[in-house]
Amino acid sequence: MKYFNLSLLVIFISMNFLIAQSNESCPCCSENHKAFDFWLGDWTVYNTKGEIVGTNKIVKMQEGCVLQENWKSLKSSNTGTSYNFFDLSDSTWNQIWISSTGNILKLKGNINSDGAMVLKSKLEKSSKGNYYNQIIWSKNDDGSVTQQWDILNKNNETISQAFEGIYRKIKSNHK
């Protein structure tokens, strides 16, 4: 009986070690880390009039812990990159956007009950008034994604829309 209990203890410790190792081998494989995966891909971006405004490539990096955005405007030389990640310390999604014009935007939020990603900045100070940036990415039934960027006043009321784009996957010529 003594050896049986010892054997069970060894098996139990071994199983816990293997489970811990498998979690460490993929620390960003949780459902929370996959919540923004609907934005992954190569996209052509259209405005609400159906005109192409740019392209965007969203890729996973760092063993799935980071989504990197690579934006290129069609009508200007503006480009930008964002890094998007789920922060375990506060269970939020975060985005840091840096554009070729030197603009930096920091956003924080999460998936809402409709499955849309909602990220918002801290209150920005401006001579024209204080405001928030809020960007919402919504999955559409046809596989496209709508990105809506609103400017909100300090009471969280929309005062203007900075951008609305519809992302459509670029079809690959490879079979």
Protein backbone atom coordinates (compact mmCIF):
# COMPACT_ATOMS: atom_id res chain seq x y z
CA MET A 1 0.00 0.00 0.00
CA LYS A 2 2.89 2.33 0.85
CA TYR A 3 4.42 1.82 -2.60
CA PHE A 4 1.06 2.27 -4.26
CA ASN A 5 0.55 5.67 -2.57
CA LEU A 6 4.10 6.69 -3.46
CA SER A 7 3.51 5.65 -7.08
CA LEU A 8 0.31 7.70 -7.21
CA LEU A 9 2.15 10.70 -5.78
CA VAL A 10 4.90 10.40 -8.41
CA ILE A 11 2.29 10.10 -11.19
CA PHE A 12 0.37 13.10 -9.85
CA ILE A 13 3.52 15.28 -9.65
CA SER A 14 4.58 14.17 -13.15
CA MET A 15 1.17 15.04 -14.60
CA ASN A 16 1.19 18.48 -12.96
CA PHE A 17 4.68 19.09 -14.32
CA LEU A 18 3.57 18.12 -17.84
CA ILE A 19 0.47 20.32 -17.64
CA ALA A 20 2.55 23.27 -16.41
CA GLN A 21 5.06 22.70 -19.23
CA SER A 22 2.33 22.64 -21.87
CA ASN A 23 0.90 25.94 -20.55
CA GLU A 24 4.38 27.48 -20.57
CA SER A 25 4.96 26.31 -24.15
CA CYS A 26 1.98 28.38 -25.27
CA PRO A 27 1.36 31.15 -22.72
CA CYS A 28 -0.80 33.14 -25.13
CA CYS A 29 -3.14 30.39 -26.33
CA SER A 30 -6.08 31.25 -24.07
CA GLU A 31 -9.46 32.32 -25.44
CA ASN A 32 -8.73 35.85 -24.20
CA HIS A 33 -5.54 35.93 -26.27
CA LYS A 34 -7.49 34.77 -29.34
CA ALA A 35 -10.35 37.27 -28.96
CA PHE A 36 -8.98 39.66 -31.61
CA ASP A 37 -8.01 36.93 -34.11
CA PHE A 38 -10.96 37.89 -36.33
CA TRP A 39 -8.84 40.89 -37.44
CA LEU A 40 -5.92 38.73 -38.66
CA GLY A 41 -5.20 38.72 -42.39
CA ASP A 42 -4.38 40.77 -45.46
CA TRP A 43 -7.08 43.38 -46.03
CA THR A 44 -8.18 45.96 -48.55
CA VAL A 45 -9.84 48.79 -46.62
CA TYR A 46 -12.82 50.69 -48.04
CA ASN A 47 -14.60 53.82 -46.83
CA THR A 48 -18.39 53.87 -46.44
CA LYS A 49 -18.74 55.01 -50.10
CA GLY A 50 -17.04 51.79 -51.26
CA GLU A 51 -13.79 53.51 -52.27
CA ILE A 52 -10.46 51.86 -51.47
CA VAL A 53 -8.60 53.93 -48.86
CA GLY A 54 -5.71 51.60 -48.07
CA THR A 55 -4.42 48.19 -47.18
CA ASN A 56 -3.75 46.61 -43.82
CA LYS A 57 -1.92 43.44 -42.88
CA ILE A 58 -2.51 42.00 -39.40
CA VAL A 59 -0.16 39.23 -38.26
CA LYS A 60 0.47 37.30 -35.06
CA MET A 61 3.93 37.60 -33.55
CA GLN A 62 5.84 36.51 -30.46
CA GLU A 63 4.31 33.02 -30.27
CA GLY A 64 0.79 34.44 -30.63
CA CYS A 65 1.14 37.03 -27.86
CA VAL A 66 1.03 40.09 -30.15
CA LEU A 67 -1.02 41.17 -33.16
CA GLN A 68 0.94 43.57 -35.36
CA GLU A 69 -0.97 45.90 -37.68
CA ASN A 70 0.69 47.31 -40.80
CA TRP A 71 -1.40 50.10 -42.38
CA LYS A 72 -0.72 51.80 -45.71
CA SER A 73 -2.91 54.62 -47.02
CA LEU A 74 -3.78 54.58 -50.72
CA LYS A 75 -4.19 58.36 -51.09
CA SER A 76 -1.12 59.53 -49.16
CA SER A 77 2.25 58.30 -47.99
CA ASN A 78 0.86 57.73 -44.48
CA THR A 79 1.66 54.41 -42.91
CA GLY A 80 1.35 53.10 -39.40
CA THR A 81 1.96 50.13 -37.18
CA SER A 82 0.13 49.04 -34.08
CA TYR A 83 0.92 46.39 -31.53
CA ASN A 84 -2.11 44.76 -29.91
CA PHE A 85 -1.90 42.46 -26.90
CA PHE A 86 -3.92 40.97 -24.07
CA ASP A 87 -2.54 42.05 -20.69
CA LEU A 88 -3.01 39.32 -18.09
CA SER A 89 -2.31 41.75 -15.23
CA ASP A 90 -5.61 43.61 -15.77
CA SER A 91 -7.40 41.33 -18.30
CA THR A 92 -7.58 44.02 -20.99
CA TRP A 93 -6.65 44.32 -24.63
CA ASN A 94 -4.21 47.12 -25.41
CA GLN A 95 -3.11 48.86 -28.59
CA ILE A 96 -0.14 51.12 -29.18
CA TRP A 97 -0.35 52.83 -32.59
CA ILE A 98 2.56 54.71 -34.15
CA SER A 99 2.16 56.46 -37.50
CA SER A 100 4.65 57.72 -40.07
CA THR A 101 3.58 61.26 -39.09
CA GLY A 102 4.73 60.71 -35.50
CA ASN A 103 1.25 60.33 -34.01
CA ILE A 104 0.97 57.88 -31.13
CA LEU A 105 -2.29 56.49 -29.81
CA LYS A 106 -2.66 54.24 -26.76
CA LEU A 107 -5.92 52.36 -26.31
CA LYS A 108 -7.29 49.89 -23.76
CA GLY A 109 -10.48 47.82 -23.62
CA ASN A 110 -11.99 44.45 -24.35
CA ILE A 111 -14.48 42.40 -26.34
CA ASN A 112 -18.06 43.48 -25.68
CA SER A 113 -21.13 41.25 -25.43
CA ASP A 114 -21.68 41.52 -29.23
CA GLY A 115 -18.19 40.15 -29.95
CA ALA A 116 -16.78 43.52 -31.05
CA MET A 117 -13.40 44.75 -29.82
CA VAL A 118 -13.81 48.15 -28.11
CA LEU A 119 -10.64 50.06 -27.23
CA LYS A 120 -10.53 53.57 -25.77
CA SER A 121 -7.84 56.10 -24.91
CA LYS A 122 -7.41 57.97 -21.67
CA LEU A 123 -8.89 61.48 -21.63
CA GLU A 124 -6.80 63.58 -24.04
CA LYS A 125 -6.21 67.25 -23.21
CA SER A 126 -6.60 69.77 -26.04
CA SER A 127 -7.02 73.51 -26.44
CA LYS A 128 -10.28 72.69 -28.26
CA GLY A 129 -11.53 70.58 -25.35
CA ASN A 130 -10.86 67.26 -23.71
CA TYR A 131 -11.79 64.08 -25.58
CA TYR A 132 -11.42 60.31 -25.82
CA ASN A 133 -10.54 58.23 -28.88
CA GLN A 134 -12.64 55.09 -29.14
CA ILE A 135 -12.19 52.48 -31.84
CA ILE A 136 -14.54 49.54 -32.36
CA TRP A 137 -13.79 46.57 -34.61
CA SER A 138 -16.86 44.49 -35.47
CA LYS A 139 -17.02 41.15 -37.28
CA ASN A 140 -19.54 41.17 -40.11
CA ASP A 141 -21.54 38.17 -41.34
CA ASP A 142 -19.77 38.25 -44.74
CA GLY A 143 -16.30 37.87 -43.16
CA SER A 144 -15.43 41.55 -43.39
CA VAL A 145 -14.57 43.71 -40.39
CA THR A 146 -15.83 47.25 -39.74
CA GLN A 147 -13.56 49.65 -37.89
CA GLN A 148 -15.25 52.73 -36.41
CA TRP A 149 -13.11 55.43 -34.78
CA ASP A 150 -15.12 57.96 -32.79
CA ILE A 151 -14.09 61.03 -30.84
CA LEU A 152 -16.01 61.25 -27.56
CA ASN A 153 -16.39 64.18 -25.17
CA LYS A 154 -15.66 63.85 -21.46
CA ASN A 155 -19.25 62.58 -20.98
CA ASN A 156 -18.58 59.73 -23.46
CA GLU A 157 -20.86 61.28 -26.09
CA THR A 158 -19.77 61.05 -29.73
CA ILE A 159 -18.74 64.47 -31.04
CA SER A 160 -17.23 63.33 -34.35
CA GLN A 161 -16.12 60.33 -36.33
CA ALA A 162 -12.43 60.19 -37.26
CA PHE A 163 -12.71 57.12 -39.51
CA GLU A 164 -14.97 54.31 -40.60
CA GLY A 165 -13.56 51.57 -42.75
CA ILE A 166 -14.67 48.19 -43.99
CA TYR A 167 -11.93 45.55 -44.17
CA ARG A 168 -12.29 42.94 -46.90
CA LYS A 169 -9.83 40.05 -47.13
CA ILE A 170 -7.48 40.11 -50.08
CA LYS A 171 -8.02 36.93 -52.05
CA SER A 172 -4.89 34.87 -52.61
CA ASN A 173 -4.01 33.67 -56.11
CA HIS A 174 -2.42 30.54 -54.61
CA LYS A 175 -4.39 27.32 -54.49
